[in-house]
């Protein structure tokens, strides 16, 4: 059973939705707002968040001072259908596991997000907080996909 399970749809086919999630995360990842996800030290600011798009690849953040932090590792890489990776705050006892499924639908793709392992990480009390934060993060991803689709519908390219 998942600690957090969320579902959204995007107006892109699963192949594009998967690529946007993994290759454009630096564009849609929220760095401001109620849940400004960044592990940037107080002495610097966040610069980039990225996946190394391959099995075993790093999920990491870089900072303006040149330092970086590996947040997790890709544990499953099956484009365009599924992605799994670990997520660990440096203060936690263990990593959580995030799994995403991308499924084509008539109007785009359905994305199912699951996160487990808060008890093993010693932070089970954070599940409700992370559920809200993950919903905000996923909303940023969905908004980005919708904007990409709208630009494509206009016959324009962002390249």
C-alpha atoms as a PDB file:
ATOM      1  CA  UNK A   1       0.000   0.000   0.000  1.00  0.00           C
ATOM      2  CA  UNK A   2       1.249   3.477  -0.900  1.00  0.00           C
ATOM      3  CA  UNK A   3       1.734   6.182   1.692  1.00  0.00           C
ATOM      4  CA  UNK A   4       0.862   8.727  -1.006  1.00  0.00           C
ATOM      5  CA  UNK A   5      -1.047   8.027  -4.211  1.00  0.00           C
ATOM      6  CA  UNK A   6      -2.038  10.736  -6.668  1.00  0.00           C
ATOM      7  CA  UNK A   7      -3.432  10.609 -10.186  1.00  0.00           C
ATOM      8  CA  UNK A   8      -3.510  13.272 -12.885  1.00  0.00           C
ATOM      9  CA  UNK A   9      -4.015  13.511 -16.613  1.00  0.00           C
ATOM     10  CA  UNK A  10      -2.007  15.559 -19.080  1.00  0.00           C
ATOM     11  CA  UNK A  11      -2.877  16.433 -22.705  1.00  0.00           C
ATOM     12  CA  UNK A  12       0.233  14.726 -24.075  1.00  0.00           C
ATOM     13  CA  UNK A  13       0.818  11.114 -25.101  1.00  0.00           C
ATOM     14  CA  UNK A  14       2.585   8.951 -22.513  1.00  0.00           C
ATOM     15  CA  UNK A  15       5.892   9.092 -24.424  1.00  0.00           C
ATOM     16  CA  UNK A  16       5.921  12.904 -24.293  1.00  0.00           C
ATOM     17  CA  UNK A  17       4.601  13.003 -20.713  1.00  0.00           C
ATOM     18  CA  UNK A  18       7.428  10.700 -19.581  1.00  0.00           C
ATOM     19  CA  UNK A  19      10.029  12.833 -21.385  1.00  0.00           C
ATOM     20  CA  UNK A  20       8.668  16.060 -19.907  1.00  0.00           C
ATOM     21  CA  UNK A  21       8.776  14.570 -16.403  1.00  0.00           C
ATOM     22  CA  UNK A  22      12.331  13.284 -16.696  1.00  0.00           C
ATOM     23  CA  UNK A  23      14.020  15.689 -19.130  1.00  0.00           C
ATOM     24  CA  UNK A  24      12.313  18.978 -18.256  1.00  0.00           C
ATOM     25  CA  UNK A  25      12.040  18.644 -14.469  1.00  0.00           C
ATOM     26  CA  UNK A  26      14.234  21.716 -14.079  1.00  0.00           C
ATOM     27  CA  UNK A  27      11.540  23.780 -15.853  1.00  0.00           C
ATOM     28  CA  UNK A  28       8.461  22.686 -13.901  1.00  0.00           C
ATOM     29  CA  UNK A  29       9.855  21.828 -10.444  1.00  0.00           C
ATOM     30  CA  UNK A  30       8.461  24.292  -7.816  1.00  0.00           C
ATOM     31  CA  UNK A  31      11.143  26.311  -6.066  1.00  0.00           C
ATOM     32  CA  UNK A  32       8.766  28.858  -4.536  1.00  0.00           C
ATOM     33  CA  UNK A  33       5.380  28.745  -2.850  1.00  0.00           C
ATOM     34  CA  UNK A  34       4.092  26.828   0.138  1.00  0.00           C
ATOM     35  CA  UNK A  35       6.347  23.848  -0.660  1.00  0.00           C
ATOM     36  CA  UNK A  36       9.557  25.220  -2.225  1.00  0.00           C
ATOM     37  CA  UNK A  37      11.350  21.921  -2.657  1.00  0.00           C
ATOM     38  CA  UNK A  38      15.068  22.440  -2.556  1.00  0.00           C
ATOM     39  CA  UNK A  39      17.843  21.136  -0.369  1.00  0.00           C
ATOM     40  CA  UNK A  40      19.927  24.264  -0.967  1.00  0.00           C
ATOM     41  CA  UNK A  41      22.045  25.220   2.042  1.00  0.00           C
ATOM     42  CA  UNK A  42      21.151  28.578   3.599  1.00  0.00           C
ATOM     43  CA  UNK A  43      24.435  29.979   2.250  1.00  0.00           C
ATOM     44  CA  UNK A  44      23.515  29.486  -1.434  1.00  0.00           C
ATOM     45  CA  UNK A  45      20.534  29.150  -3.734  1.00  0.00           C
ATOM     46  CA  UNK A  46      19.189  26.254  -5.821  1.00  0.00           C
ATOM     47  CA  UNK A  47      20.331  26.151  -9.415  1.00  0.00           C
ATOM     48  CA  UNK A  48      19.124  22.944 -11.122  1.00  0.00           C
ATOM     49  CA  UNK A  49      17.286  19.722 -10.386  1.00  0.00           C
ATOM     50  CA  UNK A  50      17.866  16.827 -12.759  1.00  0.00           C
ATOM     51  CA  UNK A  51      17.633  13.136 -13.492  1.00  0.00           C
ATOM     52  CA  UNK A  52      20.395  11.170 -15.142  1.00  0.00           C
ATOM     53  CA  UNK A  53      17.991   9.473 -17.543  1.00  0.00           C
ATOM     54  CA  UNK A  54      19.080   5.846 -17.244  1.00  0.00           C
ATOM     55  CA  UNK A  55      18.759   2.938 -14.813  1.00  0.00           C
ATOM     56  CA  UNK A  56      20.856   3.689 -11.720  1.00  0.00           C
ATOM     57  CA  UNK A  57      21.116   7.357 -12.733  1.00  0.00           C
ATOM     58  CA  UNK A  58      21.233  10.053 -10.120  1.00  0.00           C
ATOM     59  CA  UNK A  59      18.322  12.278  -9.133  1.00  0.00           C
ATOM     60  CA  UNK A  60      20.188  15.345  -7.924  1.00  0.00           C
ATOM     61  CA  UNK A  61      20.166  19.061  -7.251  1.00  0.00           C
ATOM     62  CA  UNK A  62      22.934  21.562  -7.959  1.00  0.00           C
ATOM     63  CA  UNK A  63      23.462  24.858  -6.190  1.00  0.00           C
ATOM     64  CA  UNK A  64      24.820  28.274  -7.157  1.00  0.00           C
ATOM     65  CA  UNK A  65      27.992  27.692  -5.140  1.00  0.00           C
ATOM     66  CA  UNK A  66      28.862  24.685  -7.337  1.00  0.00           C
ATOM     67  CA  UNK A  67      27.926  22.028  -4.799  1.00  0.00           C
ATOM     68  CA  UNK A  68      25.378  19.302  -5.414  1.00  0.00           C
ATOM     69  CA  UNK A  69      23.276  16.805  -3.512  1.00  0.00           C
ATOM     70  CA  UNK A  70      22.164  13.395  -4.736  1.00  0.00           C
ATOM     71  CA  UNK A  71      18.530  13.120  -3.628  1.00  0.00           C
ATOM     72  CA  UNK A  72      18.037   9.610  -4.976  1.00  0.00           C
ATOM     73  CA  UNK A  73      18.683   7.052  -7.705  1.00  0.00           C
ATOM     74  CA  UNK A  74      16.595   5.753 -10.573  1.00  0.00           C
ATOM     75  CA  UNK A  75      15.540   2.214  -9.684  1.00  0.00           C
ATOM     76  CA  UNK A  76      13.293   1.553 -12.686  1.00  0.00           C
ATOM     77  CA  UNK A  77      13.593   3.110 -16.126  1.00  0.00           C
ATOM     78  CA  UNK A  78      11.026   1.887 -18.647  1.00  0.00           C
ATOM     79  CA  UNK A  79      10.107   4.779 -20.963  1.00  0.00           C
ATOM     80  CA  UNK A  80       7.392   5.655 -21.690  1.00  0.00           C
ATOM     81  CA  UNK A  81       5.491   3.463 -19.220  1.00  0.00           C
ATOM     82  CA  UNK A  82       7.139   3.610 -15.818  1.00  0.00           C
ATOM     83  CA  UNK A  83       9.741   5.324 -13.727  1.00  0.00           C
ATOM     84  CA  UNK A  84      10.806   4.646 -10.157  1.00  0.00           C
ATOM     85  CA  UNK A  85      13.394   6.402  -8.046  1.00  0.00           C
ATOM     86  CA  UNK A  86      14.367   6.978  -4.460  1.00  0.00           C
ATOM     87  CA  UNK A  87      13.885  10.232  -2.562  1.00  0.00           C
ATOM     88  CA  UNK A  88      15.673  10.949   0.703  1.00  0.00           C
ATOM     89  CA  UNK A  89      15.983  14.031   2.805  1.00  0.00           C
ATOM     90  CA  UNK A  90      19.546  13.910   4.214  1.00  0.00           C
ATOM     91  CA  UNK A  91      18.154  13.874   7.765  1.00  0.00           C
ATOM     92  CA  UNK A  92      16.023  10.750   7.238  1.00  0.00           C
ATOM     93  CA  UNK A  93      16.998   7.230   8.298  1.00  0.00           C
ATOM     94  CA  UNK A  94      16.233   5.755   4.864  1.00  0.00           C
ATOM     95  CA  UNK A  95      14.976   6.682   1.428  1.00  0.00           C
ATOM     96  CA  UNK A  96      11.383   6.620   0.270  1.00  0.00           C
ATOM     97  CA  UNK A  97      10.463   5.121  -3.080  1.00  0.00           C
ATOM     98  CA  UNK A  98       8.561   6.984  -5.791  1.00  0.00           C
ATOM     99  CA  UNK A  99       6.904   5.110  -8.645  1.00  0.00           C
ATOM    100  CA  UNK A 100       5.190   6.714 -11.638  1.00  0.00           C
ATOM    101  CA  UNK A 101       3.075   4.999 -14.264  1.00  0.00           C
ATOM    102  CA  UNK A 102       2.282   6.696 -17.583  1.00  0.00           C
ATOM    103  CA  UNK A 103      -0.685   5.320 -19.531  1.00  0.00           C
ATOM    104  CA  UNK A 104      -2.037   6.558 -22.868  1.00  0.00           C
ATOM    105  CA  UNK A 105      -5.666   7.675 -22.941  1.00  0.00           C
ATOM    106  CA  UNK A 106      -7.777   9.182 -25.720  1.00  0.00           C
ATOM    107  CA  UNK A 107      -7.161  12.709 -24.449  1.00  0.00           C
ATOM    108  CA  UNK A 108      -3.523  12.329 -23.435  1.00  0.00           C
ATOM    109  CA  UNK A 109      -1.920  10.349 -20.642  1.00  0.00           C
ATOM    110  CA  UNK A 110      -2.865   9.346 -17.129  1.00  0.00           C
ATOM    111  CA  UNK A 111      -0.069   9.660 -14.588  1.00  0.00           C
ATOM    112  CA  UNK A 112      -0.213   7.677 -11.342  1.00  0.00           C
ATOM    113  CA  UNK A 113       2.238   8.779  -8.629  1.00  0.00           C
ATOM    114  CA  UNK A 114       2.958   6.568  -5.617  1.00  0.00           C
ATOM    115  CA  UNK A 115       5.378   7.150  -2.764  1.00  0.00           C
ATOM    116  CA  UNK A 116       6.141   4.623  -0.030  1.00  0.00           C
ATOM    117  CA  UNK A 117       8.647   4.159   2.772  1.00  0.00           C
ATOM    118  CA  UNK A 118       7.971   7.002   5.198  1.00  0.00           C
ATOM    119  CA  UNK A 119       7.854   4.591   8.162  1.00  0.00           C
ATOM    120  CA  UNK A 120      11.237   3.062   7.259  1.00  0.00           C
ATOM    121  CA  UNK A 121      12.626   6.592   6.837  1.00  0.00           C
ATOM    122  CA  UNK A 122      11.460   7.374  10.388  1.00  0.00           C
ATOM    123  CA  UNK A 123       9.152  10.164   9.239  1.00  0.00           C
ATOM    124  CA  UNK A 124       5.724   8.563   9.013  1.00  0.00           C
ATOM    125  CA  UNK A 125       4.315  11.706  10.640  1.00  0.00           C
ATOM    126  CA  UNK A 126       5.218  13.637   7.444  1.00  0.00           C
ATOM    127  CA  UNK A 127       2.886  11.675   5.118  1.00  0.00           C
ATOM    128  CA  UNK A 128       0.027  14.208   5.270  1.00  0.00           C
ATOM    129  CA  UNK A 129       2.435  17.107   4.707  1.00  0.00           C
ATOM    130  CA  UNK A 130       4.118  15.364   1.761  1.00  0.00           C
ATOM    131  CA  UNK A 131       0.741  14.419   0.269  1.00  0.00           C
ATOM    132  CA  UNK A 132      -0.074  18.137  -0.028  1.00  0.00           C
ATOM    133  CA  UNK A 133       3.418  18.981  -1.265  1.00  0.00           C
ATOM    134  CA  UNK A 134       3.419  16.197  -3.859  1.00  0.00           C
ATOM    135  CA  UNK A 135       0.040  17.419  -5.115  1.00  0.00           C
ATOM    136  CA  UNK A 136       1.548  20.913  -5.574  1.00  0.00           C
ATOM    137  CA  UNK A 137       4.573  19.484  -7.361  1.00  0.00           C
ATOM    138  CA  UNK A 138       2.437  17.320  -9.633  1.00  0.00           C
ATOM    139  CA  UNK A 139       0.229  20.357 -10.384  1.00  0.00           C
ATOM    140  CA  UNK A 140       3.344  22.204 -11.597  1.00  0.00           C
ATOM    141  CA  UNK A 141       4.149  19.306 -13.892  1.00  0.00           C
ATOM    142  CA  UNK A 142       0.564  19.177 -15.230  1.00  0.00           C
ATOM    143  CA  UNK A 143       0.529  22.954 -15.854  1.00  0.00           C
ATOM    144  CA  UNK A 144       3.818  22.669 -17.751  1.00  0.00           C
ATOM    145  CA  UNK A 145       2.429  19.825 -19.920  1.00  0.00           C
ATOM    146  CA  UNK A 146      -0.720  21.828 -20.645  1.00  0.00           C
ATOM    147  CA  UNK A 147       1.324  24.849 -21.693  1.00  0.00           C
ATOM    148  CA  UNK A 148       3.473  22.698 -23.988  1.00  0.00           C
ATOM    149  CA  UNK A 149       0.364  21.209 -25.596  1.00  0.00           C
ATOM    150  CA  UNK A 150      -1.199  24.665 -26.073  1.00  0.00           C
ATOM    151  CA  UNK A 151       1.953  25.959 -27.774  1.00  0.00           C
ATOM    152  CA  UNK A 152       2.054  22.873 -30.011  1.00  0.00           C
ATOM    153  CA  UNK A 153      -1.640  23.394 -30.900  1.00  0.00           C
ATOM    154  CA  UNK A 154      -0.690  26.850 -32.146  1.00  0.00           C
ATOM    155  CA  UNK A 155       1.826  25.235 -34.464  1.00  0.00           C
ATOM    156  CA  UNK A 156       4.751  26.749 -32.610  1.00  0.00           C
ATOM    157  CA  UNK A 157       7.907  25.120 -31.342  1.00  0.00           C
ATOM    158  CA  UNK A 158       9.863  25.919 -28.209  1.00  0.00           C
ATOM    159  CA  UNK A 159      13.156  24.683 -29.665  1.00  0.00           C
END
